[in-house]
Amino acid sequence: MIMRIWRTQVDEARAAEYERFAAVESLPMFRTQHGFLGLLFGRNGSACAVTTLWEDDAAADALEESPSYRETVARIGAAGFLTGPSVVERFTVHGSHLPDGS
């Protein structure tokens, strides 16, 4: 399993717009991707993170090439509520404990 973390900053005055985009645009897009297992959206002030889980490296690689992912990235960039650079990290999951049903 692969854990992919996308980190960015958001204009705090527009944080509700960002969170709405995440729920209405990003989540449905991720759900259509082959090998997608789940995600977490997190925010602490202006700092935001999206942690997604993937079956394997091939699925995480396919996300990067997906037209729907690229379109979503372009739309979130054009929305104007992100500030500063975005960074992606990727890790192989070697352990987990998550509540059932979430």
Protein backbone atom coordinates (compact mmCIF):
# COMPACT_ATOMS: atom_id res chain seq x y z
CA MET A 1 0.00 0.00 0.00
CA ILE A 2 1.22 3.50 -0.85
CA MET A 3 0.50 6.66 1.15
CA ARG A 4 0.66 9.85 -0.93
CA ILE A 5 0.63 13.19 0.90
CA TRP A 6 -0.03 16.47 -0.92
CA ARG A 7 0.75 19.55 1.16
CA THR A 8 -0.14 23.14 0.38
CA GLN A 9 -1.13 26.43 1.96
CA VAL A 10 -4.51 28.10 1.64
CA ASP A 11 -5.65 31.69 2.10
CA GLU A 12 -7.38 31.32 5.48
CA ALA A 13 -10.04 33.85 4.49
CA ARG A 14 -10.98 31.45 1.67
CA ALA A 15 -10.55 28.17 3.55
CA ALA A 16 -14.26 27.32 3.23
CA GLU A 17 -13.91 27.51 -0.57
CA TYR A 18 -10.94 25.16 -0.43
CA GLU A 19 -12.80 22.68 1.78
CA ARG A 20 -15.84 22.80 -0.50
CA PHE A 21 -13.60 22.12 -3.53
CA ALA A 22 -12.03 19.17 -1.71
CA ALA A 23 -15.42 17.62 -0.95
CA VAL A 24 -17.19 18.41 -4.23
CA GLU A 25 -14.37 18.17 -6.79
CA SER A 26 -11.38 16.28 -5.40
CA LEU A 27 -13.07 13.45 -3.52
CA PRO A 28 -15.25 12.31 -6.46
CA MET A 29 -12.23 12.50 -8.79
CA PHE A 30 -10.11 10.34 -6.47
CA ARG A 31 -12.91 7.79 -6.15
CA THR A 32 -12.81 7.18 -9.93
CA GLN A 33 -9.10 6.33 -9.94
CA HIS A 34 -7.98 2.71 -10.29
CA GLY A 35 -6.28 1.46 -7.13
CA PHE A 36 -7.64 4.23 -4.88
CA LEU A 37 -8.20 2.95 -1.33
CA GLY A 38 -9.11 6.04 0.70
CA LEU A 39 -8.15 9.51 1.84
CA LEU A 40 -7.94 12.03 4.64
CA PHE A 41 -8.29 15.79 4.26
CA GLY A 42 -6.51 17.80 6.96
CA ARG A 43 -6.09 21.49 7.73
CA ASN A 44 -4.36 23.43 10.50
CA GLY A 45 -4.81 27.14 9.89
CA SER A 46 -3.42 27.82 6.44
CA ALA A 47 -1.56 24.48 6.20
CA CYS A 48 -3.45 21.78 4.31
CA ALA A 49 -2.71 18.13 3.58
CA VAL A 50 -4.46 15.49 1.52
CA THR A 51 -3.34 11.96 2.34
CA THR A 52 -4.45 9.34 -0.16
CA LEU A 53 -3.96 5.58 -0.02
CA TRP A 54 -3.21 3.50 -3.12
CA GLU A 55 -2.95 -0.23 -3.82
CA ASP A 56 0.62 0.07 -5.14
CA ASP A 57 3.13 2.36 -6.84
CA ALA A 58 1.57 1.70 -10.24
CA ALA A 59 -1.79 3.05 -9.03
CA ALA A 60 -0.16 6.15 -7.50
CA ASP A 61 1.82 6.67 -10.72
CA ALA A 62 -1.37 6.33 -12.79
CA LEU A 63 -2.99 9.08 -10.73
CA GLU A 64 -0.26 11.51 -11.81
CA GLU A 65 -1.00 10.72 -15.47
CA SER A 66 -4.79 10.73 -15.15
CA PRO A 67 -6.53 13.42 -17.24
CA SER A 68 -9.19 13.90 -14.55
CA TYR A 69 -6.49 14.40 -11.90
CA ARG A 70 -4.61 16.89 -14.07
CA GLU A 71 -7.85 18.79 -14.77
CA THR A 72 -8.65 18.92 -11.05
CA VAL A 73 -5.15 20.20 -10.26
CA ALA A 74 -5.54 22.91 -12.92
CA ARG A 75 -8.95 23.95 -11.52
CA ILE A 76 -7.76 24.15 -7.92
CA GLY A 77 -4.76 26.21 -9.02
CA ALA A 78 -6.97 28.56 -11.02
CA ALA A 79 -9.41 28.99 -8.12
CA GLY A 80 -6.92 31.31 -6.42
CA PHE A 81 -7.29 30.17 -2.81
CA LEU A 82 -3.98 28.25 -2.64
CA THR A 83 -0.89 30.20 -1.61
CA GLY A 84 2.73 29.20 -2.04
CA PRO A 85 4.07 25.95 -3.45
CA SER A 86 2.51 22.51 -3.20
CA VAL A 87 4.60 19.46 -2.34
CA VAL A 88 3.93 15.74 -2.82
CA GLU A 89 5.49 13.00 -0.67
CA ARG A 90 5.05 9.27 -1.10
CA PHE A 91 5.64 6.47 1.40
CA THR A 92 5.22 2.71 1.46
CA VAL A 93 2.83 1.86 4.29
CA HIS A 94 4.39 -0.60 6.71
CA GLY A 95 1.72 -0.48 9.41
CA SER A 96 -1.68 1.02 10.17
CA HIS A 97 -4.53 1.15 12.61
CA LEU A 98 -7.69 2.82 11.39
CA PRO A 99 -11.23 2.72 12.77
CA ASP A 100 -13.63 0.41 10.93
CA GLY A 101 -16.09 2.00 8.54
CA SER A 102 -14.33 5.31 7.92
